[in-house]
Amino acid sequence: MCRFCEKFKDKDSTSLNIFDYTILETSNFVVVPTVGALVAGWVLIIAKQHYICAGELSPSLIKELEELKAKVKSIVEPIFGKLTIFEHGPAEPNLSVGCTVDHIHIHLAPLKFDLLTKTESFIKLNWIKCDSLEYTNSFYDSGLSYLYLELPNGLNYIATDEKIPSQLFRQVIAKEIGKPNEYNWRQFDQLDIVTSTIQILEDSKVSRNELVFTEV
């Protein structure tokens, strides 16, 4: 069983830790802090059921995911800044592009730089403009792993390559913020940043007189 499936299986366990803090939740997805957050405000959208990537999702699940992304942006962006959204999309298990986590998880991170430009300086890929996450279906159906990227300017891109490095976007982000050796979430959980993110979000709820973030 993958680490995220284990997370949801043990959701009612007394062993829950800070990385299980639920920011938002819908019928099929949950928003949580990400282990190894390199910047405050970085969160994940995770499917409750096991899918390897967004490309495997049905149109109805893609629609729910898009609506949830919009809700997350409405909460996080006023506090932390514009979000860059990305996914490492493996077409099958145990590929480097999947970063050893073969369960769909969408990253939403407030970045102060253009991740596409910085990634291009790291590795040259053939990026294609696309409309939304739904475009990932054609890649997955063709057996192609991919990188998916949404920039704050509203432009979306997707690329595929047989040799996409593990944790590529994390490597690029870590280098850009001056922590090139801390990109690996398994070695650096960045607990202080995650704790700060949760506290700021909690304070925001109080200031808006919300007991919980509402379901989409």
N, C-alpha and C. Protein backbone atom coordinates (compact mmCIF):
# COMPACT_ATOMS: atom_id res chain seq x y z
N MET A 1 0.85 -1.20 0.00
CA MET A 1 0.00 0.00 0.00
C MET A 1 0.88 1.25 0.00
N CYS A 2 0.54 2.27 -0.81
CA CYS A 2 1.37 3.46 -0.89
C CYS A 2 1.20 4.34 0.35
N ARG A 3 2.11 5.29 0.52
CA ARG A 3 2.12 6.09 1.75
C ARG A 3 0.86 6.93 1.91
N PHE A 4 0.27 7.41 0.80
CA PHE A 4 -0.95 8.20 0.92
C PHE A 4 -2.15 7.31 1.21
N CYS A 5 -2.21 6.13 0.62
CA CYS A 5 -3.29 5.20 0.95
C CYS A 5 -3.22 4.81 2.42
N GLU A 6 -2.01 4.64 2.94
CA GLU A 6 -1.83 4.36 4.37
C GLU A 6 -2.34 5.53 5.20
N LYS A 7 -2.07 6.76 4.72
CA LYS A 7 -2.52 7.96 5.43
C LYS A 7 -4.03 7.96 5.61
N PHE A 8 -4.77 7.65 4.53
CA PHE A 8 -6.22 7.69 4.61
C PHE A 8 -6.78 6.48 5.35
N LYS A 9 -6.11 5.36 5.25
CA LYS A 9 -6.53 4.17 5.99
C LYS A 9 -6.47 4.43 7.49
N ASP A 10 -5.44 5.14 7.93
CA ASP A 10 -5.22 5.40 9.36
C ASP A 10 -5.70 6.79 9.78
N LYS A 11 -6.66 7.35 9.03
CA LYS A 11 -7.09 8.73 9.27
C LYS A 11 -7.58 8.96 10.70
N ASP A 12 -8.19 7.95 11.31
CA ASP A 12 -8.73 8.11 12.66
C ASP A 12 -7.75 7.67 13.74
N SER A 13 -6.53 7.39 13.32
CA SER A 13 -5.54 6.91 14.27
C SER A 13 -5.08 8.04 15.20
N THR A 14 -4.70 7.67 16.42
CA THR A 14 -4.20 8.67 17.37
C THR A 14 -2.77 9.07 17.04
N SER A 15 -2.18 8.43 16.03
CA SER A 15 -0.79 8.72 15.68
C SER A 15 -0.68 9.81 14.62
N LEU A 16 -1.78 10.49 14.30
CA LEU A 16 -1.73 11.53 13.28
C LEU A 16 -0.72 12.60 13.66
N ASN A 17 0.00 13.13 12.66
CA ASN A 17 0.98 14.16 12.93
C ASN A 17 0.62 15.44 12.19
N ILE A 18 1.50 16.41 12.27
CA ILE A 18 1.21 17.72 11.71
C ILE A 18 0.99 17.68 10.21
N PHE A 19 1.58 16.73 9.53
CA PHE A 19 1.43 16.64 8.08
C PHE A 19 0.07 16.08 7.67
N ASP A 20 -0.74 15.65 8.66
CA ASP A 20 -2.09 15.18 8.38
C ASP A 20 -3.14 16.27 8.63
N TYR A 21 -2.69 17.47 8.97
CA TYR A 21 -3.61 18.59 9.19
C TYR A 21 -4.41 18.84 7.91
N THR A 22 -5.74 18.82 8.02
CA THR A 22 -6.60 19.01 6.85
C THR A 22 -6.96 20.48 6.70
N ILE A 23 -6.60 21.04 5.57
CA ILE A 23 -6.89 22.44 5.26
C ILE A 23 -8.26 22.55 4.60
N LEU A 24 -8.51 21.67 3.65
CA LEU A 24 -9.79 21.60 2.94
C LEU A 24 -10.05 20.14 2.59
N GLU A 25 -11.33 19.82 2.39
CA GLU A 25 -11.67 18.45 2.04
C GLU A 25 -12.94 18.43 1.21
N THR A 26 -12.95 17.60 0.17
CA THR A 26 -14.15 17.36 -0.62
C THR A 26 -14.43 15.87 -0.59
N SER A 27 -15.39 15.42 -1.37
CA SER A 27 -15.75 14.00 -1.36
C SER A 27 -14.58 13.11 -1.75
N ASN A 28 -13.76 13.60 -2.69
CA ASN A 28 -12.71 12.74 -3.25
C ASN A 28 -11.29 13.24 -3.07
N PHE A 29 -11.13 14.44 -2.48
CA PHE A 29 -9.79 15.01 -2.34
C PHE A 29 -9.61 15.66 -0.97
N VAL A 30 -8.36 15.79 -0.57
CA VAL A 30 -8.03 16.47 0.67
C VAL A 30 -6.82 17.37 0.41
N VAL A 31 -6.80 18.51 1.10
CA VAL A 31 -5.68 19.45 1.00
C VAL A 31 -4.93 19.43 2.32
N VAL A 32 -3.62 19.18 2.24
CA VAL A 32 -2.79 19.06 3.44
C VAL A 32 -1.47 19.80 3.22
N PRO A 33 -0.73 20.07 4.30
CA PRO A 33 0.62 20.61 4.14
C PRO A 33 1.49 19.56 3.45
N THR A 34 2.55 19.99 2.80
CA THR A 34 3.45 19.03 2.18
C THR A 34 4.71 18.84 3.01
N VAL A 35 5.08 17.60 3.19
CA VAL A 35 6.38 17.31 3.82
C VAL A 35 7.47 17.92 2.95
N GLY A 36 8.40 18.60 3.57
CA GLY A 36 9.51 19.19 2.82
C GLY A 36 9.18 20.51 2.17
N ALA A 37 8.16 21.22 2.68
CA ALA A 37 7.79 22.52 2.11
C ALA A 37 8.98 23.47 2.17
N LEU A 38 9.41 23.94 1.02
CA LEU A 38 10.57 24.84 0.97
C LEU A 38 10.18 26.29 1.18
N VAL A 39 8.89 26.60 1.01
CA VAL A 39 8.38 27.95 1.26
C VAL A 39 7.07 27.83 2.03
N ALA A 40 6.76 28.83 2.84
CA ALA A 40 5.50 28.84 3.58
C ALA A 40 4.33 28.95 2.62
N GLY A 41 3.26 28.23 2.92
CA GLY A 41 2.07 28.27 2.08
C GLY A 41 2.00 27.15 1.06
N TRP A 42 3.01 26.30 1.00
CA TRP A 42 3.06 25.20 0.04
C TRP A 42 2.17 24.07 0.55
N VAL A 43 1.19 23.67 -0.25
CA VAL A 43 0.26 22.62 0.15
C VAL A 43 0.09 21.60 -0.98
N LEU A 44 -0.55 20.48 -0.64
CA LEU A 44 -0.83 19.42 -1.61
C LEU A 44 -2.33 19.16 -1.70
N ILE A 45 -2.80 18.81 -2.90
CA ILE A 45 -4.11 18.22 -3.07
C ILE A 45 -3.88 16.74 -3.37
N ILE A 46 -4.50 15.87 -2.57
CA ILE A 46 -4.32 14.43 -2.70
C ILE A 46 -5.67 13.77 -2.91
N ALA A 47 -5.75 12.81 -3.81
CA ALA A 47 -6.96 12.03 -4.00
C ALA A 47 -7.10 11.02 -2.86
N LYS A 48 -8.31 10.83 -2.37
CA LYS A 48 -8.52 9.87 -1.29
C LYS A 48 -8.40 8.43 -1.79
N GLN A 49 -8.81 8.19 -3.03
CA GLN A 49 -8.68 6.87 -3.62
C GLN A 49 -7.37 6.81 -4.41
N HIS A 50 -6.93 5.61 -4.71
CA HIS A 50 -5.63 5.46 -5.35
C HIS A 50 -5.71 5.66 -6.86
N TYR A 51 -5.10 6.74 -7.32
CA TYR A 51 -4.85 7.01 -8.73
C TYR A 51 -3.38 7.39 -8.83
N ILE A 52 -2.72 6.96 -9.89
CA ILE A 52 -1.29 7.22 -9.97
C ILE A 52 -0.97 8.66 -10.34
N CYS A 53 -1.87 9.31 -11.09
CA CYS A 53 -1.63 10.70 -11.51
C CYS A 53 -2.95 11.31 -11.96
N ALA A 54 -2.95 12.61 -12.23
CA ALA A 54 -4.16 13.29 -12.68
C ALA A 54 -4.67 12.73 -14.00
N GLY A 55 -3.75 12.25 -14.82
CA GLY A 55 -4.13 11.70 -16.11
C GLY A 55 -5.05 10.50 -16.02
N GLU A 56 -5.09 9.85 -14.85
CA GLU A 56 -5.94 8.68 -14.67
C GLU A 56 -7.35 9.05 -14.21
N LEU A 57 -7.57 10.32 -13.85
CA LEU A 57 -8.86 10.74 -13.30
C LEU A 57 -9.94 10.84 -14.38
N SER A 58 -11.17 10.58 -13.98
CA SER A 58 -12.32 10.74 -14.87
C SER A 58 -12.63 12.23 -15.02
N PRO A 59 -13.40 12.62 -16.04
CA PRO A 59 -13.77 14.02 -16.21
C PRO A 59 -14.46 14.62 -14.98
N SER A 60 -15.30 13.84 -14.31
CA SER A 60 -16.00 14.37 -13.13
C SER A 60 -15.02 14.64 -11.99
N LEU A 61 -14.02 13.78 -11.84
CA LEU A 61 -13.02 14.00 -10.79
C LEU A 61 -12.11 15.17 -11.14
N ILE A 62 -11.78 15.32 -12.41
CA ILE A 62 -11.00 16.48 -12.85
C ILE A 62 -11.77 17.76 -12.53
N LYS A 63 -13.06 17.76 -12.77
CA LYS A 63 -13.89 18.94 -12.49
C LYS A 63 -13.87 19.26 -10.99
N GLU A 64 -14.02 18.24 -10.16
CA GLU A 64 -13.98 18.44 -8.72
C GLU A 64 -12.62 18.97 -8.28
N LEU A 65 -11.56 18.43 -8.87
CA LEU A 65 -10.21 18.87 -8.56
C LEU A 65 -9.99 20.32 -8.98
N GLU A 66 -10.47 20.71 -10.14
CA GLU A 66 -10.32 22.09 -10.61
C GLU A 66 -11.05 23.05 -9.68
N GLU A 67 -12.23 22.67 -9.23
CA GLU A 67 -13.00 23.52 -8.32
C GLU A 67 -12.28 23.66 -6.98
N LEU A 68 -11.68 22.56 -6.53
CA LEU A 68 -10.94 22.61 -5.27
C LEU A 68 -9.70 23.48 -5.40
N LYS A 69 -9.00 23.38 -6.53
CA LYS A 69 -7.84 24.24 -6.75
C LYS A 69 -8.22 25.71 -6.64
N ALA A 70 -9.35 26.07 -7.23
CA ALA A 70 -9.80 27.45 -7.18
C ALA A 70 -10.09 27.88 -5.74
N LYS A 71 -10.65 26.98 -4.95
CA LYS A 71 -10.93 27.29 -3.55
C LYS A 71 -9.64 27.47 -2.75
N VAL A 72 -8.69 26.58 -2.98
CA VAL A 72 -7.39 26.70 -2.30
C VAL A 72 -6.73 28.04 -2.64
N LYS A 73 -6.77 28.39 -3.91
CA LYS A 73 -6.17 29.67 -4.32
C LYS A 73 -6.84 30.84 -3.62
N SER A 74 -8.15 30.78 -3.47
CA SER A 74 -8.88 31.90 -2.84
C SER A 74 -8.50 32.05 -1.37
N ILE A 75 -8.07 30.97 -0.73
CA ILE A 75 -7.68 31.02 0.68
C ILE A 75 -6.20 31.33 0.85
N VAL A 76 -5.36 30.67 0.06
CA VAL A 76 -3.91 30.75 0.27
C VAL A 76 -3.28 32.00 -0.36
N GLU A 77 -3.72 32.37 -1.56
CA GLU A 77 -3.06 33.47 -2.27
C GLU A 77 -3.13 34.81 -1.54
N PRO A 78 -4.26 35.19 -0.91
CA PRO A 78 -4.27 36.47 -0.21
C PRO A 78 -3.29 36.53 0.96
N ILE A 79 -2.90 35.37 1.46
CA ILE A 79 -2.00 35.30 2.61
C ILE A 79 -0.54 35.15 2.18
N PHE A 80 -0.29 34.23 1.26
CA PHE A 80 1.08 33.87 0.92
C PHE A 80 1.55 34.33 -0.45
N GLY A 81 0.63 34.74 -1.31
CA GLY A 81 1.02 35.17 -2.66
C GLY A 81 0.55 34.20 -3.72
N LYS A 82 0.71 34.58 -4.97
CA LYS A 82 0.24 33.81 -6.11
C LYS A 82 0.85 32.41 -6.13
N LEU A 83 0.00 31.43 -6.47
CA LEU A 83 0.42 30.04 -6.45
C LEU A 83 0.88 29.55 -7.82
N THR A 84 1.95 28.79 -7.81
CA THR A 84 2.36 27.99 -8.96
C THR A 84 1.92 26.56 -8.66
N ILE A 85 1.29 25.92 -9.63
CA ILE A 85 0.70 24.60 -9.42
C ILE A 85 1.39 23.60 -10.35
N PHE A 86 1.76 22.44 -9.80
CA PHE A 86 2.46 21.48 -10.65
C PHE A 86 2.25 20.05 -10.19
N GLU A 87 2.51 19.14 -11.12
CA GLU A 87 2.42 17.71 -10.82
C GLU A 87 3.53 16.97 -11.56
N HIS A 88 4.14 16.02 -10.88
CA HIS A 88 4.98 15.02 -11.53
C HIS A 88 4.06 13.84 -11.82
N GLY A 89 3.77 13.56 -13.09
CA GLY A 89 2.78 12.55 -13.43
C GLY A 89 3.35 11.27 -14.01
N PRO A 90 3.58 10.25 -13.18
CA PRO A 90 4.09 8.98 -13.70
C PRO A 90 2.98 8.20 -14.40
N ALA A 91 3.33 7.56 -15.51
CA ALA A 91 2.36 6.74 -16.23
C ALA A 91 2.25 5.34 -15.63
N GLU A 92 3.24 4.95 -14.83
CA GLU A 92 3.26 3.65 -14.19
C GLU A 92 4.10 3.74 -12.93
N PRO A 93 3.98 2.76 -12.04
CA PRO A 93 4.72 2.83 -10.77
C PRO A 93 6.24 2.71 -10.95
N ASN A 94 6.93 3.18 -9.91
CA ASN A 94 8.38 2.98 -9.77
C ASN A 94 9.22 3.68 -10.83
N LEU A 95 8.74 4.83 -11.29
CA LEU A 95 9.53 5.65 -12.20
C LEU A 95 10.12 6.83 -11.45
N SER A 96 11.25 7.34 -11.91
CA SER A 96 11.88 8.47 -11.22
C SER A 96 10.99 9.70 -11.19
N VAL A 97 10.19 9.90 -12.25
CA VAL A 97 9.34 11.08 -12.30
C VAL A 97 8.31 11.10 -11.17
N GLY A 98 7.95 9.91 -10.67
CA GLY A 98 6.97 9.82 -9.60
C GLY A 98 7.52 10.15 -8.23
N CYS A 99 8.81 10.36 -8.13
CA CYS A 99 9.45 10.75 -6.87
C CYS A 99 9.20 9.73 -5.76
N THR A 100 9.02 8.45 -6.15
CA THR A 100 8.76 7.33 -5.25
C THR A 100 7.41 7.42 -4.55
N VAL A 101 6.53 8.29 -5.00
CA VAL A 101 5.17 8.39 -4.45
C VAL A 101 4.19 8.22 -5.60
N ASP A 102 3.74 7.00 -5.83
CA ASP A 102 2.91 6.71 -6.99
C ASP A 102 1.42 6.84 -6.65
N HIS A 103 1.05 8.04 -6.22
CA HIS A 103 -0.33 8.38 -5.85
C HIS A 103 -0.50 9.85 -6.18
N ILE A 104 -1.55 10.20 -6.90
CA ILE A 104 -1.71 11.58 -7.36
C ILE A 104 -1.61 12.58 -6.21
N HIS A 105 -0.73 13.56 -6.38
CA HIS A 105 -0.64 14.68 -5.45
C HIS A 105 -0.24 15.92 -6.25
N ILE A 106 -1.07 16.93 -6.17
CA ILE A 106 -0.87 18.19 -6.89
C ILE A 106 -0.25 19.21 -5.94
N HIS A 107 0.87 19.80 -6.35
CA HIS A 107 1.55 20.81 -5.54
C HIS A 107 1.01 22.20 -5.84
N LEU A 108 0.81 23.00 -4.80
CA LEU A 108 0.44 24.41 -4.94
C LEU A 108 1.41 25.20 -4.06
N ALA A 109 2.30 25.95 -4.68
CA ALA A 109 3.36 26.63 -3.94
C ALA A 109 3.45 28.10 -4.33
N PRO A 110 3.49 29.01 -3.35
CA PRO A 110 3.68 30.43 -3.65
C PRO A 110 5.15 30.72 -3.96
N LEU A 111 5.44 30.94 -5.22
CA LEU A 111 6.82 31.18 -5.65
C LEU A 111 6.97 32.59 -6.19
N LYS A 112 8.14 33.16 -5.99
CA LYS A 112 8.40 34.53 -6.43
C LYS A 112 9.19 34.56 -7.74
N PHE A 113 9.15 33.45 -8.48
CA PHE A 113 9.88 33.37 -9.74
C PHE A 113 9.09 32.48 -10.70
N ASP A 114 9.45 32.54 -11.97
CA ASP A 114 8.81 31.76 -13.01
C ASP A 114 9.41 30.35 -13.01
N LEU A 115 8.65 29.37 -12.57
CA LEU A 115 9.17 28.02 -12.45
C LEU A 115 9.48 27.40 -13.81
N LEU A 116 8.73 27.78 -14.83
CA LEU A 116 8.99 27.24 -16.17
C LEU A 116 10.38 27.69 -16.66
N THR A 117 10.66 28.99 -16.54
CA THR A 117 11.95 29.53 -16.99
C THR A 117 13.10 28.90 -16.22
N LYS A 118 12.94 28.78 -14.91
CA LYS A 118 14.01 28.22 -14.08
C LYS A 118 14.21 26.73 -14.37
N THR A 119 13.11 26.02 -14.65
CA THR A 119 13.23 24.61 -14.99
C THR A 119 13.95 24.43 -16.32
N GLU A 120 13.66 25.32 -17.27
CA GLU A 120 14.30 25.25 -18.58
C GLU A 120 15.81 25.46 -18.48
N SER A 121 16.25 26.24 -17.50
CA SER A 121 17.68 26.43 -17.31
C SER A 121 18.32 25.22 -16.64
N PHE A 122 17.47 24.35 -16.06
CA PHE A 122 17.93 23.16 -15.37
C PHE A 122 17.98 21.96 -16.33
N ILE A 123 16.93 21.83 -17.15
CA ILE A 123 16.84 20.75 -18.13
C ILE A 123 15.95 21.21 -19.28
N LYS A 124 16.34 20.92 -20.50
CA LYS A 124 15.57 21.33 -21.67
C LYS A 124 14.49 20.29 -21.97
N LEU A 125 13.23 20.76 -21.98
CA LEU A 125 12.09 19.90 -22.28
C LEU A 125 11.22 20.57 -23.34
N ASN A 126 10.45 19.78 -24.03
CA ASN A 126 9.54 20.29 -25.05
C ASN A 126 8.18 20.58 -24.41
N TRP A 127 8.01 21.82 -23.91
CA TRP A 127 6.78 22.20 -23.24
C TRP A 127 5.68 22.52 -24.25
N ILE A 128 4.46 22.06 -23.97
CA ILE A 128 3.30 22.31 -24.81
C ILE A 128 2.27 23.08 -23.99
N LYS A 129 1.72 24.14 -24.54
CA LYS A 129 0.65 24.86 -23.86
C LYS A 129 -0.61 24.01 -23.84
N CYS A 130 -1.34 24.06 -22.73
CA CYS A 130 -2.59 23.30 -22.64
C CYS A 130 -3.61 24.10 -21.83
N ASP A 131 -4.85 23.63 -21.83
CA ASP A 131 -5.93 24.38 -21.20
C ASP A 131 -6.08 24.09 -19.71
N SER A 132 -5.93 22.82 -19.33
CA SER A 132 -6.19 22.45 -17.94
C SER A 132 -5.60 21.08 -17.64
N LEU A 133 -5.81 20.61 -16.42
CA LEU A 133 -5.34 19.29 -16.02
C LEU A 133 -5.95 18.18 -16.87
N GLU A 134 -7.09 18.43 -17.47
CA GLU A 134 -7.73 17.41 -18.29
C GLU A 134 -6.83 16.97 -19.44
N TYR A 135 -5.92 17.83 -19.84
CA TYR A 135 -5.01 17.52 -20.93
C TYR A 135 -4.08 16.37 -20.57
N THR A 136 -3.91 16.11 -19.26
CA THR A 136 -3.03 15.03 -18.84
C THR A 136 -3.58 13.66 -19.22
N ASN A 137 -4.90 13.56 -19.44
CA ASN A 137 -5.50 12.28 -19.79
C ASN A 137 -4.87 11.66 -21.03
N SER A 138 -4.64 12.50 -22.05
CA SER A 138 -4.11 11.97 -23.31
C SER A 138 -2.69 11.43 -23.14
N PHE A 139 -1.91 12.04 -22.26
CA PHE A 139 -0.56 11.55 -21.99
C PHE A 139 -0.62 10.21 -21.26
N TYR A 140 -1.42 10.15 -20.21
CA TYR A 140 -1.53 8.91 -19.44
C TYR A 140 -2.08 7.78 -20.31
N ASP A 141 -3.11 8.07 -21.10
CA ASP A 141 -3.70 7.04 -21.96
C ASP A 141 -2.71 6.51 -23.00
N SER A 142 -1.72 7.35 -23.32
CA SER A 142 -0.68 6.94 -24.29
C SER A 142 0.52 6.31 -23.60
N GLY A 143 0.43 6.14 -22.29
CA GLY A 143 1.54 5.54 -21.55
C GLY A 143 2.71 6.46 -21.35
N LEU A 144 2.47 7.77 -21.39
CA LEU A 144 3.54 8.75 -21.27
C LEU A 144 3.52 9.42 -19.89
N SER A 145 4.64 9.39 -19.20
CA SER A 145 4.78 10.19 -17.99
C SER A 145 4.93 11.65 -18.38
N TYR A 146 4.65 12.55 -17.45
CA TYR A 146 4.65 13.97 -17.82
C TYR A 146 4.97 14.86 -16.61
N LEU A 147 5.27 16.09 -16.92
CA LEU A 147 5.31 17.18 -15.94
C LEU A 147 4.20 18.15 -16.33
N TYR A 148 3.40 18.55 -15.34
CA TYR A 148 2.32 19.51 -15.59
C TYR A 148 2.58 20.75 -14.76
N LEU A 149 2.35 21.92 -15.35
CA LEU A 149 2.70 23.17 -14.69
C LEU A 149 1.68 24.26 -15.00
N GLU A 150 1.17 24.92 -13.96
CA GLU A 150 0.30 26.09 -14.10
C GLU A 150 1.00 27.29 -13.48
N LEU A 151 1.20 28.32 -14.28
CA LEU A 151 1.86 29.53 -13.79
C LEU A 151 0.83 30.54 -13.27
N PRO A 152 1.24 31.44 -12.40
CA PRO A 152 0.31 32.45 -11.87
C PRO A 152 -0.30 33.34 -12.94
N ASN A 153 0.34 33.44 -14.11
CA ASN A 153 -0.19 34.28 -15.19
C ASN A 153 -1.33 33.61 -15.96
N GLY A 154 -1.71 32.40 -15.53
CA GLY A 154 -2.83 31.71 -16.15
C GLY A 154 -2.46 30.76 -17.27
N LEU A 155 -1.19 30.70 -17.62
CA LEU A 155 -0.75 29.79 -18.69
C LEU A 155 -0.39 28.43 -18.11
N ASN A 156 -0.81 27.38 -18.82
CA ASN A 156 -0.57 26.01 -18.38
C ASN A 156 0.30 25.29 -19.40
N TYR A 157 1.16 24.40 -18.90
CA TYR A 157 2.09 23.69 -19.78
C TYR A 157 2.21 22.23 -19.36
N ILE A 158 2.58 21.40 -20.34
CA ILE A 158 2.83 19.99 -20.06
C ILE A 158 4.01 19.54 -20.92
N ALA A 159 4.81 18.63 -20.37
CA ALA A 159 5.98 18.12 -21.10
C ALA A 159 6.19 16.67 -20.73
N THR A 160 6.81 15.93 -21.64
CA THR A 160 7.15 14.54 -21.36
C THR A 160 8.57 14.27 -21.81
N ASP A 161 9.21 13.35 -21.13
CA ASP A 161 10.57 12.96 -21.47
C ASP A 161 10.87 11.65 -20.75
N GLU A 162 11.65 10.81 -21.36
CA GLU A 162 11.96 9.51 -20.77
C GLU A 162 12.89 9.63 -19.56
N LYS A 163 13.58 10.75 -19.43
CA LYS A 163 14.58 10.87 -18.38
C LYS A 163 14.31 12.06 -17.46
N ILE A 164 13.06 12.23 -17.05
CA ILE A 164 12.73 13.29 -16.10
C ILE A 164 13.31 12.92 -14.73
N PRO A 165 14.16 13.76 -14.15
CA PRO A 165 14.79 13.43 -12.87
C PRO A 165 13.77 13.39 -11.73
N SER A 166 14.06 12.62 -10.72
CA SER A 166 13.21 12.58 -9.53
C SER A 166 13.21 13.95 -8.84
N GLN A 167 12.03 14.38 -8.40
CA GLN A 167 11.86 15.64 -7.66
C GLN A 167 12.41 16.84 -8.45
N LEU A 168 12.20 16.82 -9.75
CA LEU A 168 12.77 17.88 -10.60
C LEU A 168 12.34 19.27 -10.15
N PHE A 169 11.04 19.50 -10.02
CA PHE A 169 10.58 20.83 -9.63
C PHE A 169 11.12 21.22 -8.27
N ARG A 170 11.19 20.27 -7.34
CA ARG A 170 11.73 20.56 -6.02
C ARG A 170 13.21 20.93 -6.11
N GLN A 171 13.95 20.26 -6.98
CA GLN A 171 15.35 20.61 -7.16
C GLN A 171 15.50 22.04 -7.67
N VAL A 172 14.66 22.41 -8.62
CA VAL A 172 14.73 23.75 -9.20
C VAL A 172 14.38 24.80 -8.15
N ILE A 173 13.30 24.55 -7.40
CA ILE A 173 12.87 25.51 -6.38
C ILE A 173 13.93 25.66 -5.29
N ALA A 174 14.47 24.55 -4.83
CA ALA A 174 15.49 24.59 -3.78
C ALA A 174 16.71 25.40 -4.22
N LYS A 175 17.11 25.19 -5.46
CA LYS A 175 18.26 25.93 -5.98
C LYS A 175 17.96 27.42 -6.03
N GLU A 176 16.76 27.77 -6.47
CA GLU A 176 16.40 29.18 -6.67
C GLU A 176 16.30 29.94 -5.35
N ILE A 177 15.89 29.27 -4.28
CA ILE A 177 15.75 29.97 -2.99
C ILE A 177 17.02 29.84 -2.14
N GLY A 178 18.06 29.28 -2.72
CA GLY A 178 19.33 29.22 -2.01
C GLY A 178 19.49 28.04 -1.07
N LYS A 179 18.68 26.98 -1.27
CA LYS A 179 18.82 25.78 -0.45
C LYS A 179 18.97 24.55 -1.36
N PRO A 180 19.95 24.54 -2.24
CA PRO A 180 20.04 23.47 -3.24
C PRO A 180 20.18 22.07 -2.68
N ASN A 181 20.70 21.96 -1.47
CA ASN A 181 20.92 20.64 -0.89
C ASN A 181 19.73 20.14 -0.07
N GLU A 182 18.65 20.95 -0.01
CA GLU A 182 17.51 20.59 0.83
C GLU A 182 16.26 20.23 0.03
N TYR A 183 16.43 19.88 -1.24
CA TYR A 183 15.26 19.60 -2.07
C TYR A 183 14.58 18.29 -1.71
N ASN A 184 15.30 17.33 -1.15
CA ASN A 184 14.77 15.99 -0.91
C ASN A 184 13.88 15.98 0.34
N TRP A 185 12.58 15.77 0.15
CA TRP A 185 11.64 15.80 1.28
C TRP A 185 11.88 14.65 2.25
N ARG A 186 12.49 13.58 1.79
CA ARG A 186 12.75 12.46 2.70
C ARG A 186 13.85 12.81 3.71
N GLN A 187 14.75 13.69 3.35
CA GLN A 187 15.85 14.07 4.23
C GLN A 187 15.57 15.36 4.99
N PHE A 188 14.77 16.25 4.40
CA PHE A 188 14.49 17.54 5.01
C PHE A 188 12.98 17.75 5.04
N ASP A 189 12.34 17.53 6.18
CA ASP A 189 10.88 17.66 6.24
C ASP A 189 10.42 19.11 6.39
N GLN A 190 11.36 20.02 6.68
CA GLN A 190 11.06 21.46 6.80
C GLN A 190 9.90 21.69 7.78
N LEU A 191 9.97 21.04 8.92
CA LEU A 191 8.89 21.09 9.90
C LEU A 191 8.58 22.51 10.36
N ASP A 192 9.60 23.34 10.49
CA ASP A 192 9.37 24.71 10.95
C ASP A 192 8.52 25.50 9.96
N ILE A 193 8.76 25.29 8.67
CA ILE A 193 7.98 25.99 7.64
C ILE A 193 6.55 25.48 7.63
N VAL A 194 6.38 24.17 7.75
CA VAL A 194 5.04 23.59 7.77
C VAL A 194 4.26 24.08 8.98
N THR A 195 4.90 24.11 10.13
CA THR A 195 4.25 24.60 11.35
C THR A 195 3.81 26.04 11.19
N SER A 196 4.67 26.86 10.60
CA SER A 196 4.33 28.26 10.37
C SER A 196 3.14 28.40 9.43
N THR A 197 3.13 27.59 8.37
CA THR A 197 2.02 27.63 7.41
C THR A 197 0.70 27.34 8.10
N ILE A 198 0.67 26.29 8.90
CA ILE A 198 -0.56 25.90 9.59
C ILE A 198 -1.01 26.97 10.56
N GLN A 199 -0.08 27.54 11.31
CA GLN A 199 -0.44 28.57 12.27
C GLN A 199 -1.03 29.80 11.58
N ILE A 200 -0.43 30.19 10.47
CA ILE A 200 -0.93 31.35 9.73
C ILE A 200 -2.31 31.07 9.17
N LEU A 201 -2.54 29.87 8.66
CA LEU A 201 -3.86 29.50 8.15
C LEU A 201 -4.89 29.46 9.28
N GLU A 202 -4.49 28.94 10.43
CA GLU A 202 -5.40 28.91 11.58
C GLU A 202 -5.77 30.33 12.02
N ASP A 203 -4.79 31.22 12.08
CA ASP A 203 -5.06 32.61 12.45
C ASP A 203 -5.99 33.26 11.44
N SER A 204 -5.82 32.91 10.16
CA SER A 204 -6.68 33.46 9.12
C SER A 204 -8.12 33.01 9.31
N LYS A 205 -8.33 31.75 9.71
CA LYS A 205 -9.68 31.27 9.95
C LYS A 205 -10.34 32.04 11.08
N VAL A 206 -9.59 32.27 12.14
CA VAL A 206 -10.12 33.00 13.28
C VAL A 206 -10.51 34.42 12.88
N SER A 207 -9.64 35.06 12.09
CA SER A 207 -9.91 36.44 11.69
C SER A 207 -11.14 36.54 10.80
N ARG A 208 -11.47 35.43 10.12
CA ARG A 208 -12.66 35.43 9.26
C ARG A 208 -13.84 34.76 9.94
N ASN A 209 -13.71 34.52 11.25
CA ASN A 209 -14.75 33.90 12.05
C ASN A 209 -15.21 32.56 11.49
N GLU A 210 -14.28 31.76 11.00
CA GLU A 210 -14.58 30.44 10.47
C GLU A 210 -14.06 29.39 11.44
N LEU A 211 -14.89 28.43 11.79
CA LEU A 211 -14.45 27.34 12.64
C LEU A 211 -13.67 26.31 11.82
N VAL A 212 -14.11 26.11 10.60
CA VAL A 212 -13.41 25.19 9.70
C VAL A 212 -13.50 25.77 8.29
N PHE A 213 -12.59 25.39 7.45
CA PHE A 213 -12.72 25.76 6.05
C PHE A 213 -13.84 24.95 5.45
N THR A 214 -14.70 25.60 4.71
CA THR A 214 -15.88 24.94 4.18
C THR A 214 -15.55 24.00 3.04
N GLU A 215 -16.36 22.98 2.88
CA GLU A 215 -16.18 22.03 1.80
C GLU A 215 -16.61 22.65 0.48
N VAL A 216 -15.90 22.34 -0.59
CA VAL A 216 -16.26 22.83 -1.91
C VAL A 216 -17.58 22.22 -2.33
